[in-house]
Full PDB file with SEQRES, HELIX, SHEET, SSBOND, CRYST1, ORIGX, SCALE, CONECT and MASTER records, all heavy atoms in Angstrom:
SEQRES   1 A   41  LYS VAL ILE TYR GLY VAL GLU ALA TYR ILE VAL ASP ASP          
SEQRES   2 A   41  LEU LYS ASP ILE ALA LEU ARG GLU LYS GLY GLN ASP TYR          
SEQRES   3 A   41  ASP ASP THR TYR ILE VAL PHE ASP LEU GLU THR THR GLY          
SEQRES   4 A   41  PHE SER                                                      
CRYST1    1.000    1.000    1.000  90.00  90.00  90.00 P 1           1          
ORIGX1      1.000000  0.000000  0.000000        0.00000                         
ORIGX2      0.000000  1.000000  0.000000        0.00000                         
ORIGX3      0.000000  0.000000  1.000000        0.00000                         
SCALE1      1.000000  0.000000  0.000000        0.00000                         
SCALE2      0.000000  1.000000  0.000000        0.00000                         
SCALE3      0.000000  0.000000  1.000000        0.00000                         
ATOM      1  N   LYS A   1    -161.080 116.540  64.766  1.00  0.00           N  
ATOM      2  CA  LYS A   1    -160.486 116.263  66.094  1.00  0.00           C  
ATOM      3  C   LYS A   1    -160.895 117.372  67.072  1.00  0.00           C  
ATOM      4  O   LYS A   1    -161.197 118.501  66.696  1.00  0.00           O  
ATOM      5  CB  LYS A   1    -158.971 116.246  65.981  1.00  0.00           C  
ATOM      6  CG  LYS A   1    -158.447 115.047  65.185  1.00  0.00           C  
ATOM      7  CD  LYS A   1    -156.941 115.014  65.251  1.00  0.00           C  
ATOM      8  CE  LYS A   1    -156.460 113.756  64.491  1.00  0.00           C  
ATOM      9  NZ  LYS A   1    -154.981 113.672  64.556  1.00  0.00           N  
ATOM     10  N   VAL A   2    -160.915 116.963  68.329  1.00  0.00           N  
ATOM     11  CA  VAL A   2    -161.057 117.912  69.438  1.00  0.00           C  
ATOM     12  C   VAL A   2    -159.654 118.111  70.050  1.00  0.00           C  
ATOM     13  O   VAL A   2    -158.997 117.145  70.398  1.00  0.00           O  
ATOM     14  CB  VAL A   2    -162.008 117.416  70.525  1.00  0.00           C  
ATOM     15  CG1 VAL A   2    -161.998 118.333  71.712  1.00  0.00           C  
ATOM     16  CG2 VAL A   2    -163.456 117.333  69.920  1.00  0.00           C  
ATOM     17  N   ILE A   3    -159.254 119.362  70.161  1.00  0.00           N  
ATOM     18  CA  ILE A   3    -157.974 119.677  70.807  1.00  0.00           C  
ATOM     19  C   ILE A   3    -158.301 120.120  72.232  1.00  0.00           C  
ATOM     20  O   ILE A   3    -159.088 121.049  72.439  1.00  0.00           O  
ATOM     21  CB  ILE A   3    -157.204 120.825  70.086  1.00  0.00           C  
ATOM     22  CG1 ILE A   3    -156.967 120.423  68.636  1.00  0.00           C  
ATOM     23  CG2 ILE A   3    -155.907 121.107  70.759  1.00  0.00           C  
ATOM     24  CD1 ILE A   3    -156.366 121.548  67.804  1.00  0.00           C  
ATOM     25  N   TYR A   4    -157.754 119.447  73.199  1.00  0.00           N  
ATOM     26  CA  TYR A   4    -158.045 119.757  74.618  1.00  0.00           C  
ATOM     27  C   TYR A   4    -157.005 120.803  75.123  1.00  0.00           C  
ATOM     28  O   TYR A   4    -155.851 120.815  74.769  1.00  0.00           O  
ATOM     29  CB  TYR A   4    -157.951 118.536  75.477  1.00  0.00           C  
ATOM     30  CG  TYR A   4    -158.961 117.478  75.020  1.00  0.00           C  
ATOM     31  CD1 TYR A   4    -158.531 116.356  74.314  1.00  0.00           C  
ATOM     32  CD2 TYR A   4    -160.320 117.629  75.245  1.00  0.00           C  
ATOM     33  CE1 TYR A   4    -159.447 115.407  73.874  1.00  0.00           C  
ATOM     34  CE2 TYR A   4    -161.217 116.690  74.810  1.00  0.00           C  
ATOM     35  CZ  TYR A   4    -160.791 115.605  74.134  1.00  0.00           C  
ATOM     36  OH  TYR A   4    -161.722 114.653  73.711  1.00  0.00           O  
ATOM     37  N   GLY A   5    -157.539 121.741  75.908  1.00  0.00           N  
ATOM     38  CA  GLY A   5    -156.647 122.772  76.431  1.00  0.00           C  
ATOM     39  C   GLY A   5    -157.284 123.515  77.594  1.00  0.00           C  
ATOM     40  O   GLY A   5    -158.343 123.140  78.139  1.00  0.00           O  
ATOM     41  N   VAL A   6    -156.685 124.645  77.944  1.00  0.00           N  
ATOM     42  CA  VAL A   6    -157.184 125.451  79.072  1.00  0.00           C  
ATOM     43  C   VAL A   6    -156.685 126.867  78.873  1.00  0.00           C  
ATOM     44  O   VAL A   6    -155.601 127.092  78.331  1.00  0.00           O  
ATOM     45  CB  VAL A   6    -156.724 124.871  80.420  1.00  0.00           C  
ATOM     46  CG1 VAL A   6    -155.222 125.047  80.606  1.00  0.00           C  
ATOM     47  CG2 VAL A   6    -157.479 125.527  81.572  1.00  0.00           C  
ATOM     48  N   GLU A   7    -157.487 127.836  79.277  1.00  0.00           N  
ATOM     49  CA  GLU A   7    -156.983 129.216  79.394  1.00  0.00           C  
ATOM     50  C   GLU A   7    -156.560 129.388  80.823  1.00  0.00           C  
ATOM     51  O   GLU A   7    -157.394 129.549  81.744  1.00  0.00           O  
ATOM     52  CB  GLU A   7    -158.060 130.228  79.010  1.00  0.00           C  
ATOM     53  CG  GLU A   7    -157.487 131.630  79.065  1.00  0.00           C  
ATOM     54  CD  GLU A   7    -158.346 132.681  78.442  1.00  0.00           C  
ATOM     55  OE1 GLU A   7    -159.453 132.336  77.934  1.00  0.00           O  
ATOM     56  OE2 GLU A   7    -157.973 133.875  78.419  1.00  0.00           O  
ATOM     57  N   ALA A   8    -155.241 129.316  81.057  1.00  0.00           N  
ATOM     58  CA  ALA A   8    -154.720 129.253  82.413  1.00  0.00           C  
ATOM     59  C   ALA A   8    -154.407 130.642  82.987  1.00  0.00           C  
ATOM     60  O   ALA A   8    -154.239 131.604  82.239  1.00  0.00           O  
ATOM     61  CB  ALA A   8    -153.384 128.424  82.413  1.00  0.00           C  
ATOM     62  N   TYR A   9    -154.347 130.671  84.310  1.00  0.00           N  
ATOM     63  CA  TYR A   9    -153.927 131.885  85.009  1.00  0.00           C  
ATOM     64  C   TYR A   9    -152.475 131.625  85.450  1.00  0.00           C  
ATOM     65  O   TYR A   9    -152.214 130.912  86.441  1.00  0.00           O  
ATOM     66  CB  TYR A   9    -154.793 132.112  86.248  1.00  0.00           C  
ATOM     67  CG  TYR A   9    -156.258 132.322  85.909  1.00  0.00           C  
ATOM     68  CD1 TYR A   9    -157.145 131.296  86.045  1.00  0.00           C  
ATOM     69  CD2 TYR A   9    -156.717 133.593  85.519  1.00  0.00           C  
ATOM     70  CE1 TYR A   9    -158.532 131.466  85.757  1.00  0.00           C  
ATOM     71  CE2 TYR A   9    -158.073 133.774  85.237  1.00  0.00           C  
ATOM     72  CZ  TYR A   9    -158.949 132.717  85.357  1.00  0.00           C  
ATOM     73  OH  TYR A   9    -160.290 132.930  85.074  1.00  0.00           O  
ATOM     74  N   ILE A  10    -151.515 132.195  84.706  1.00  0.00           N  
ATOM     75  CA  ILE A  10    -150.097 131.982  84.939  1.00  0.00           C  
ATOM     76  C   ILE A  10    -149.516 133.024  85.864  1.00  0.00           C  
ATOM     77  O   ILE A  10    -149.780 134.245  85.731  1.00  0.00           O  
ATOM     78  CB  ILE A  10    -149.294 131.979  83.612  1.00  0.00           C  
ATOM     79  CG1 ILE A  10    -149.846 130.901  82.647  1.00  0.00           C  
ATOM     80  CG2 ILE A  10    -147.844 131.734  83.875  1.00  0.00           C  
ATOM     81  CD1 ILE A  10    -149.717 129.494  83.167  1.00  0.00           C  
ATOM     82  N   VAL A  11    -148.727 132.594  86.824  1.00  0.00           N  
ATOM     83  CA  VAL A  11    -148.063 133.516  87.773  1.00  0.00           C  
ATOM     84  C   VAL A  11    -146.531 133.357  87.552  1.00  0.00           C  
ATOM     85  O   VAL A  11    -146.045 132.229  87.588  1.00  0.00           O  
ATOM     86  CB  VAL A  11    -148.404 133.228  89.242  1.00  0.00           C  
ATOM     87  CG1 VAL A  11    -147.576 134.110  90.152  1.00  0.00           C  
ATOM     88  CG2 VAL A  11    -149.881 133.409  89.453  1.00  0.00           C  
ATOM     89  N   ASP A  12    -145.844 134.465  87.305  1.00  0.00           N  
ATOM     90  CA  ASP A  12    -144.396 134.400  87.080  1.00  0.00           C  
ATOM     91  C   ASP A  12    -143.681 134.377  88.439  1.00  0.00           C  
ATOM     92  O   ASP A  12    -143.324 135.428  88.972  1.00  0.00           O  
ATOM     93  CB  ASP A  12    -143.948 135.613  86.264  1.00  0.00           C  
ATOM     94  CG  ASP A  12    -142.484 135.471  85.816  1.00  0.00           C  
ATOM     95  OD1 ASP A  12    -141.849 134.453  86.176  1.00  0.00           O  
ATOM     96  OD2 ASP A  12    -141.996 136.396  85.136  1.00  0.00           O  
ATOM     97  N   ASP A  13    -143.519 133.200  88.997  1.00  0.00           N  
ATOM     98  CA  ASP A  13    -142.820 133.048  90.259  1.00  0.00           C  
ATOM     99  C   ASP A  13    -141.304 132.956  90.050  1.00  0.00           C  
ATOM    100  O   ASP A  13    -140.575 132.802  91.037  1.00  0.00           O  
ATOM    101  CB  ASP A  13    -143.271 131.840  91.019  1.00  0.00           C  
ATOM    102  CG  ASP A  13    -143.056 130.518  90.274  1.00  0.00           C  
ATOM    103  OD1 ASP A  13    -143.136 130.523  89.028  1.00  0.00           O  
ATOM    104  OD2 ASP A  13    -142.776 129.496  90.930  1.00  0.00           O  
ATOM    105  N   LEU A  14    -140.843 133.017  88.807  1.00  0.00           N  
ATOM    106  CA  LEU A  14    -139.421 132.962  88.515  1.00  0.00           C  
ATOM    107  C   LEU A  14    -138.798 134.343  88.459  1.00  0.00           C  
ATOM    108  O   LEU A  14    -137.574 134.497  88.318  1.00  0.00           O  
ATOM    109  CB  LEU A  14    -139.174 132.215  87.200  1.00  0.00           C  
ATOM    110  CG  LEU A  14    -139.630 130.756  87.145  1.00  0.00           C  
ATOM    111  CD1 LEU A  14    -139.401 130.187  85.755  1.00  0.00           C  
ATOM    112  CD2 LEU A  14    -138.937 129.905  88.200  1.00  0.00           C  
ATOM    113  N   LYS A  15    -139.651 135.392  88.470  1.00  0.00           N  
ATOM    114  CA  LYS A  15    -139.144 136.730  88.381  1.00  0.00           C  
ATOM    115  C   LYS A  15    -138.480 137.183  89.661  1.00  0.00           C  
ATOM    116  O   LYS A  15    -139.037 136.995  90.740  1.00  0.00           O  
ATOM    117  CB  LYS A  15    -140.318 137.694  88.018  1.00  0.00           C  
ATOM    118  CG  LYS A  15    -139.945 139.162  87.871  1.00  0.00           C  
ATOM    119  CD  LYS A  15    -141.160 139.967  87.464  1.00  0.00           C  
ATOM    120  CE  LYS A  15    -142.217 139.961  88.539  1.00  0.00           C  
ATOM    121  NZ  LYS A  15    -143.363 140.823  88.170  1.00  0.00           N  
ATOM    122  N   ASP A  16    -137.300 137.713  89.560  1.00  0.00           N  
ATOM    123  CA  ASP A  16    -136.559 138.202  90.739  1.00  0.00           C  
ATOM    124  C   ASP A  16    -137.270 139.389  91.351  1.00  0.00           C  
ATOM    125  O   ASP A  16    -137.820 140.247  90.663  1.00  0.00           O  
ATOM    126  CB  ASP A  16    -135.167 138.576  90.378  1.00  0.00           C  
ATOM    127  CG  ASP A  16    -134.270 137.377  90.026  1.00  0.00           C  
ATOM    128  OD1 ASP A  16    -134.598 136.298  90.513  1.00  0.00           O  
ATOM    129  OD2 ASP A  16    -133.266 137.558  89.286  1.00  0.00           O  
ATOM    130  N   ILE A  17    -137.228 139.456  92.704  1.00  0.00           N  
ATOM    131  CA  ILE A  17    -137.743 140.676  93.366  1.00  0.00           C  
ATOM    132  C   ILE A  17    -136.811 141.848  93.106  1.00  0.00           C  
ATOM    133  O   ILE A  17    -137.260 142.942  92.860  1.00  0.00           O  
ATOM    134  CB  ILE A  17    -137.871 140.391  94.873  1.00  0.00           C  
ATOM    135  CG1 ILE A  17    -138.910 139.294  95.133  1.00  0.00           C  
ATOM    136  CG2 ILE A  17    -138.261 141.672  95.629  1.00  0.00           C  
ATOM    137  CD1 ILE A  17    -139.076 138.906  96.579  1.00  0.00           C  
ATOM    138  N   ALA A  18    -135.487 141.571  93.130  1.00  0.00           N  
ATOM    139  CA  ALA A  18    -134.492 142.572  92.735  1.00  0.00           C  
ATOM    140  C   ALA A  18    -133.982 142.242  91.397  1.00  0.00           C  
ATOM    141  O   ALA A  18    -133.175 141.346  91.203  1.00  0.00           O  
ATOM    142  CB  ALA A  18    -133.354 142.569  93.784  1.00  0.00           C  
ATOM    143  N   LEU A  19    -134.452 142.991  90.412  1.00  0.00           N  
ATOM    144  CA  LEU A  19    -134.069 142.753  88.997  1.00  0.00           C  
ATOM    145  C   LEU A  19    -132.621 143.205  88.746  1.00  0.00           C  
ATOM    146  O   LEU A  19    -132.253 144.309  89.154  1.00  0.00           O  
ATOM    147  CB  LEU A  19    -135.040 143.437  88.029  1.00  0.00           C  
ATOM    148  CG  LEU A  19    -136.471 143.046  88.091  1.00  0.00           C  
ATOM    149  CD1 LEU A  19    -137.297 143.872  87.141  1.00  0.00           C  
ATOM    150  CD2 LEU A  19    -136.636 141.562  87.778  1.00  0.00           C  
ATOM    151  N   ARG A  20    -131.841 142.333  88.118  1.00  0.00           N  
ATOM    152  CA  ARG A  20    -130.465 142.676  87.749  1.00  0.00           C  
ATOM    153  C   ARG A  20    -129.631 143.063  88.924  1.00  0.00           C  
ATOM    154  O   ARG A  20    -128.894 144.063  88.900  1.00  0.00           O  
ATOM    155  CB  ARG A  20    -130.491 143.766  86.639  1.00  0.00           C  
ATOM    156  CG  ARG A  20    -131.149 143.373  85.381  1.00  0.00           C  
ATOM    157  CD  ARG A  20    -131.115 144.516  84.359  1.00  0.00           C  
ATOM    158  NE  ARG A  20    -131.947 145.648  84.752  1.00  0.00           N  
ATOM    159  CZ  ARG A  20    -133.207 145.803  84.478  1.00  0.00           C  
ATOM    160  NH1 ARG A  20    -133.872 144.855  83.794  1.00  0.00           N  
ATOM    161  NH2 ARG A  20    -133.909 146.867  84.900  1.00  0.00           N  
ATOM    162  N   GLU A  21    -129.752 142.334  90.036  1.00  0.00           N  
ATOM    163  CA  GLU A  21    -128.948 142.619  91.226  1.00  0.00           C  
ATOM    164  C   GLU A  21    -127.484 142.428  90.917  1.00  0.00           C  
ATOM    165  O   GLU A  21    -127.096 141.549  90.135  1.00  0.00           O  
ATOM    166  CB  GLU A  21    -129.426 141.807  92.391  1.00  0.00           C  
ATOM    167  CG  GLU A  21    -129.251 140.294  92.244  1.00  0.00           C  
ATOM    168  CD  GLU A  21    -127.870 139.809  92.674  1.00  0.00           C  
ATOM    169  OE1 GLU A  21    -127.168 140.535  93.362  1.00  0.00           O  
ATOM    170  OE2 GLU A  21    -127.536 138.673  92.317  1.00  0.00           O  
ATOM    171  N   LYS A  22    -126.655 143.222  91.572  1.00  0.00           N  
ATOM    172  CA  LYS A  22    -125.214 143.196  91.328  1.00  0.00           C  
ATOM    173  C   LYS A  22    -124.424 142.994  92.639  1.00  0.00           C  
ATOM    174  O   LYS A  22    -123.364 143.572  92.853  1.00  0.00           O  
ATOM    175  CB  LYS A  22    -124.743 144.490  90.642  1.00  0.00           C  
ATOM    176  CG  LYS A  22    -125.478 144.815  89.308  1.00  0.00           C  
ATOM    177  CD  LYS A  22    -124.999 146.087  88.721  1.00  0.00           C  
ATOM    178  CE  LYS A  22    -125.732 146.445  87.448  1.00  0.00           C  
ATOM    179  NZ  LYS A  22    -127.141 146.800  87.721  1.00  0.00           N  
ATOM    180  N   GLY A  23    -125.055 142.239  93.529  1.00  0.00           N  
ATOM    181  CA  GLY A  23    -124.367 141.955  94.818  1.00  0.00           C  
ATOM    182  C   GLY A  23    -124.561 143.015  95.852  1.00  0.00           C  
ATOM    183  O   GLY A  23    -123.845 143.060  96.869  1.00  0.00           O  
ATOM    184  N   GLN A  24    -125.530 143.947  95.695  1.00  0.00           N  
ATOM    185  CA  GLN A  24    -125.703 145.047  96.637  1.00  0.00           C  
ATOM    186  C   GLN A  24    -126.264 144.506  97.981  1.00  0.00           C  
ATOM    187  O   GLN A  24    -126.963 143.489  98.005  1.00  0.00           O  
ATOM    188  CB  GLN A  24    -126.665 146.078  96.071  1.00  0.00           C  
ATOM    189  CG  GLN A  24    -126.218 146.761  94.824  1.00  0.00           C  
ATOM    190  CD  GLN A  24    -126.838 146.194  93.579  1.00  0.00           C  
ATOM    191  OE1 GLN A  24    -127.047 144.964  93.496  1.00  0.00           O  
ATOM    192  NE2 GLN A  24    -127.092 146.999  92.575  1.00  0.00           N  
ATOM    193  N   ASP A  25    -125.927 145.200  99.037  1.00  0.00           N  
ATOM    194  CA  ASP A  25    -126.523 144.907 100.352  1.00  0.00           C  
ATOM    195  C   ASP A  25    -127.350 146.089 100.733  1.00  0.00           C  
ATOM    196  O   ASP A  25    -127.481 147.069 100.014  1.00  0.00           O  
ATOM    197  CB  ASP A  25    -125.457 144.541 101.392  1.00  0.00           C  
ATOM    198  CG  ASP A  25    -124.487 145.679 101.651  1.00  0.00           C  
ATOM    199  OD1 ASP A  25    -124.834 146.864 101.479  1.00  0.00           O  
ATOM    200  OD2 ASP A  25    -123.289 145.409 101.973  1.00  0.00           O  
ATOM    201  N   TYR A  26    -127.934 146.066 101.957  1.00  0.00           N  
ATOM    202  CA  TYR A  26    -128.875 147.092 102.318  1.00  0.00           C  
ATOM    203  C   TYR A  26    -128.221 148.356 102.901  1.00  0.00           C  
ATOM    204  O   TYR A  26    -128.922 149.291 103.323  1.00  0.00           O  
ATOM    205  CB  TYR A  26    -129.871 146.520 103.342  1.00  0.00           C  
ATOM    206  CG  TYR A  26    -130.734 145.446 102.756  1.00  0.00           C  
ATOM    207  CD1 TYR A  26    -130.742 144.144 103.253  1.00  0.00           C  
ATOM    208  CD2 TYR A  26    -131.519 145.723 101.637  1.00  0.00           C  
ATOM    209  CE1 TYR A  26    -131.533 143.167 102.658  1.00  0.00           C  
ATOM    210  CE2 TYR A  26    -132.301 144.711 101.019  1.00  0.00           C  
ATOM    211  CZ  TYR A  26    -132.263 143.479 101.519  1.00  0.00           C  
ATOM    212  OH  TYR A  26    -133.067 142.483 100.954  1.00  0.00           O  
ATOM    213  N   ASP A  27    -126.883 148.427 102.887  1.00  0.00           N  
ATOM    214  CA  ASP A  27    -126.201 149.634 103.242  1.00  0.00           C  
ATOM    215  C   ASP A  27    -125.849 150.473 101.999  1.00  0.00           C  
ATOM    216  O   ASP A  27    -125.327 151.554 102.110  1.00  0.00           O  
ATOM    217  CB  ASP A  27    -124.898 149.336 104.016  1.00  0.00           C  
ATOM    218  CG  ASP A  27    -125.212 148.819 105.445  1.00  0.00           C  
ATOM    219  OD1 ASP A  27    -126.328 149.111 105.896  1.00  0.00           O  
ATOM    220  OD2 ASP A  27    -124.335 148.140 106.002  1.00  0.00           O  
ATOM    221  N   ASP A  28    -126.134 149.947 100.832  1.00  0.00           N  
ATOM    222  CA  ASP A  28    -125.887 150.668  99.613  1.00  0.00           C  
ATOM    223  C   ASP A  28    -126.896 151.793  99.382  1.00  0.00           C  
ATOM    224  O   ASP A  28    -127.793 151.985 100.177  1.00  0.00           O  
ATOM    225  CB  ASP A  28    -125.855 149.702  98.443  1.00  0.00           C  
ATOM    226  CG  ASP A  28    -124.570 148.873  98.345  1.00  0.00           C  
ATOM    227  OD1 ASP A  28    -123.516 149.470  98.511  1.00  0.00           O  
ATOM    228  OD2 ASP A  28    -124.669 147.653  98.132  1.00  0.00           O  
ATOM    229  N   THR A  29    -126.755 152.497  98.236  1.00  0.00           N  
ATOM    230  CA  THR A  29    -127.616 153.621  97.947  1.00  0.00           C  
ATOM    231  C   THR A  29    -128.868 153.142  97.212  1.00  0.00           C  
ATOM    232  O   THR A  29    -128.764 152.451  96.215  1.00  0.00           O  
ATOM    233  CB  THR A  29    -126.871 154.654  97.105  1.00  0.00           C  
ATOM    234  OG1 THR A  29    -125.753 155.101  97.832  1.00  0.00           O  
ATOM    235  CG2 THR A  29    -127.808 155.852  96.769  1.00  0.00           C  
ATOM    236  N   TYR A  30    -130.051 153.597  97.663  1.00  0.00           N  
ATOM    237  CA  TYR A  30    -131.305 153.236  97.047  1.00  0.00           C  
ATOM    238  C   TYR A  30    -132.029 154.569  96.744  1.00  0.00           C  
ATOM    239  O   TYR A  30    -132.181 155.445  97.586  1.00  0.00           O  
ATOM    240  CB  TYR A  30    -132.173 152.364  97.949  1.00  0.00           C  
ATOM    241  CG  TYR A  30    -131.544 151.011  98.177  1.00  0.00           C  
ATOM    242  CD1 TYR A  30    -130.544 150.794  99.116  1.00  0.00           C  
ATOM    243  CD2 TYR A  30    -131.984 149.903  97.453  1.00  0.00           C  
ATOM    244  CE1 TYR A  30    -129.958 149.539  99.324  1.00  0.00           C  
ATOM    245  CE2 TYR A  30    -131.436 148.651  97.616  1.00  0.00           C  
ATOM    246  CZ  TYR A  30    -130.419 148.486  98.581  1.00  0.00           C  
ATOM    247  OH  TYR A  30    -129.854 147.235  98.716  1.00  0.00           O  
ATOM    248  N   ILE A  31    -132.540 154.653  95.497  1.00  0.00           N  
ATOM    249  CA  ILE A  31    -133.293 155.808  95.065  1.00  0.00           C  
ATOM    250  C   ILE A  31    -134.744 155.417  94.965  1.00  0.00           C  
ATOM    251  O   ILE A  31    -135.180 154.722  94.041  1.00  0.00           O  
ATOM    252  CB  ILE A  31    -132.798 156.358  93.702  1.00  0.00           C  
ATOM    253  CG1 ILE A  31    -131.281 156.524  93.717  1.00  0.00           C  
ATOM    254  CG2 ILE A  31    -133.547 157.590  93.351  1.00  0.00           C  
ATOM    255  CD1 ILE A  31    -130.802 157.545  94.748  1.00  0.00           C  
ATOM    256  N   VAL A  32    -135.554 155.856  95.933  1.00  0.00           N  
ATOM    257  CA  VAL A  32    -136.951 155.539  95.967  1.00  0.00           C  
ATOM    258  C   VAL A  32    -137.681 156.679  95.263  1.00  0.00           C  
ATOM    259  O   VAL A  32    -137.602 157.817  95.695  1.00  0.00           O  
ATOM    260  CB  VAL A  32    -137.470 155.407  97.418  1.00  0.00           C  
ATOM    261  CG1 VAL A  32    -138.924 154.909  97.420  1.00  0.00           C  
ATOM    262  CG2 VAL A  32    -136.596 154.451  98.199  1.00  0.00           C  
ATOM    263  N   PHE A  33    -138.371 156.358  94.180  1.00  0.00           N  
ATOM    264  CA  PHE A  33    -138.925 157.450  93.362  1.00  0.00           C  
ATOM    265  C   PHE A  33    -140.363 157.165  92.889  1.00  0.00           C  
ATOM    266  O   PHE A  33    -140.813 156.016  92.934  1.00  0.00           O  
ATOM    267  CB  PHE A  33    -138.027 157.760  92.139  1.00  0.00           C  
ATOM    268  CG  PHE A  33    -138.175 156.797  91.010  1.00  0.00           C  
ATOM    269  CD1 PHE A  33    -138.783 157.186  89.803  1.00  0.00           C  
ATOM    270  CD2 PHE A  33    -137.668 155.512  91.064  1.00  0.00           C  
ATOM    271  CE1 PHE A  33    -138.892 156.326  88.752  1.00  0.00           C  
ATOM    272  CE2 PHE A  33    -137.761 154.609  90.037  1.00  0.00           C  
ATOM    273  CZ  PHE A  33    -138.404 155.042  88.848  1.00  0.00           C  
ATOM    274  N   ASP A  34    -141.001 158.207  92.421  1.00  0.00           N  
ATOM    275  CA  ASP A  34    -142.360 158.095  91.869  1.00  0.00           C  
ATOM    276  C   ASP A  34    -142.525 159.123  90.794  1.00  0.00           C  
ATOM    277  O   ASP A  34    -141.966 160.223  90.825  1.00  0.00           O  
ATOM    278  CB  ASP A  34    -143.407 158.295  92.980  1.00  0.00           C  
ATOM    279  CG  ASP A  34    -144.840 158.078  92.477  1.00  0.00           C  
ATOM    280  OD1 ASP A  34    -145.187 156.943  92.207  1.00  0.00           O  
ATOM    281  OD2 ASP A  34    -145.527 159.087  92.280  1.00  0.00           O  
ATOM    282  N   LEU A  35    -143.356 158.781  89.772  1.00  0.00           N  
ATOM    283  CA  LEU A  35    -143.670 159.685  88.677  1.00  0.00           C  
ATOM    284  C   LEU A  35    -145.130 159.969  88.609  1.00  0.00           C  
ATOM    285  O   LEU A  35    -145.940 159.113  88.982  1.00  0.00           O  
ATOM    286  CB  LEU A  35    -143.240 159.069  87.332  1.00  0.00           C  
ATOM    287  CG  LEU A  35    -141.784 158.622  87.142  1.00  0.00           C  
ATOM    288  CD1 LEU A  35    -141.590 158.040  85.733  1.00  0.00           C  
ATOM    289  CD2 LEU A  35    -140.792 159.755  87.378  1.00  0.00           C  
ATOM    290  N   GLU A  36    -145.477 161.158  88.140  1.00  0.00           N  
ATOM    291  CA  GLU A  36    -146.845 161.438  87.713  1.00  0.00           C  
ATOM    292  C   GLU A  36    -146.761 161.657  86.192  1.00  0.00           C  
ATOM    293  O   GLU A  36    -145.824 162.318  85.720  1.00  0.00           O  
ATOM    294  CB  GLU A  36    -147.437 162.655  88.391  1.00  0.00           C  
ATOM    295  CG  GLU A  36    -147.512 162.517  89.925  1.00  0.00           C  
ATOM    296  CD  GLU A  36    -148.339 161.360  90.400  1.00  0.00           C  
ATOM    297  OE1 GLU A  36    -149.216 160.908  89.650  1.00  0.00           O  
ATOM    298  OE2 GLU A  36    -148.059 160.862  91.501  1.00  0.00           O  
ATOM    299  N   THR A  37    -147.722 161.105  85.450  1.00  0.00           N  
ATOM    300  CA  THR A  37    -147.668 161.160  84.012  1.00  0.00           C  
ATOM    301  C   THR A  37    -149.031 161.544  83.421  1.00  0.00           C  
ATOM    302  O   THR A  37    -150.019 161.562  84.152  1.00  0.00           O  
ATOM    303  CB  THR A  37    -147.257 159.781  83.418  1.00  0.00           C  
ATOM    304  OG1 THR A  37    -148.277 158.824  83.741  1.00  0.00           O  
ATOM    305  CG2 THR A  37    -145.945 159.307  84.059  1.00  0.00           C  
ATOM    306  N   THR A  38    -149.060 161.780  82.135  1.00  0.00           N  
ATOM    307  CA  THR A  38    -150.323 162.142  81.472  1.00  0.00           C  
ATOM    308  C   THR A  38    -151.140 160.899  81.095  1.00  0.00           C  
ATOM    309  O   THR A  38    -152.229 161.042  80.550  1.00  0.00           O  
ATOM    310  CB  THR A  38    -150.075 162.966  80.213  1.00  0.00           C  
ATOM    311  OG1 THR A  38    -149.248 162.208  79.303  1.00  0.00           O  
ATOM    312  CG2 THR A  38    -149.366 164.261  80.533  1.00  0.00           C  
ATOM    313  N   GLY A  39    -150.621 159.719  81.335  1.00  0.00           N  
ATOM    314  CA  GLY A  39    -151.304 158.473  81.015  1.00  0.00           C  
ATOM    315  C   GLY A  39    -150.477 157.278  81.316  1.00  0.00           C  
ATOM    316  O   GLY A  39    -149.433 157.355  81.975  1.00  0.00           O  
ATOM    317  N   PHE A  40    -150.903 156.124  80.850  1.00  0.00           N  
ATOM    318  CA  PHE A  40    -150.286 154.864  81.260  1.00  0.00           C  
ATOM    319  C   PHE A  40    -149.213 154.356  80.258  1.00  0.00           C  
ATOM    320  O   PHE A  40    -148.500 153.398  80.535  1.00  0.00           O  
ATOM    321  CB  PHE A  40    -151.340 153.758  81.381  1.00  0.00           C  
ATOM    322  CG  PHE A  40    -152.334 154.058  82.494  1.00  0.00           C  
ATOM    323  CD1 PHE A  40    -153.658 154.338  82.206  1.00  0.00           C  
ATOM    324  CD2 PHE A  40    -151.920 154.073  83.814  1.00  0.00           C  
ATOM    325  CE1 PHE A  40    -154.612 154.625  83.227  1.00  0.00           C  
ATOM    326  CE2 PHE A  40    -152.839 154.332  84.847  1.00  0.00           C  
ATOM    327  CZ  PHE A  40    -154.154 154.623  84.516  1.00  0.00           C  
ATOM    328  N   SER A  41    -149.119 154.944  79.090  1.00  0.00           N  
ATOM    329  CA  SER A  41    -148.193 154.465  78.044  1.00  0.00           C  
ATOM    330  C   SER A  41    -146.927 155.248  78.076  1.00  0.00           C  
ATOM    331  O   SER A  41    -146.869 156.474  77.914  1.00  0.00           O  
ATOM    332  CB  SER A  41    -148.841 154.584  76.651  1.00  0.00           C  
ATOM    333  OG  SER A  41    -147.875 154.301  75.637  1.00  0.00           O  
TER     334      SER A  41                                                      
MASTER        0    0    0    0    0    0    0    6  333    1    0    4          
END                                                                             
């Protein structure tokens, strides 16, 4: 048999922009941060 398929390019459009939001508004506290590391892992 031949199994038909595709190697697709999937985009996760279901992912929230604000992960695990708890009802915050834009007057709440936001910690904008950045790290430098020795590598990617």
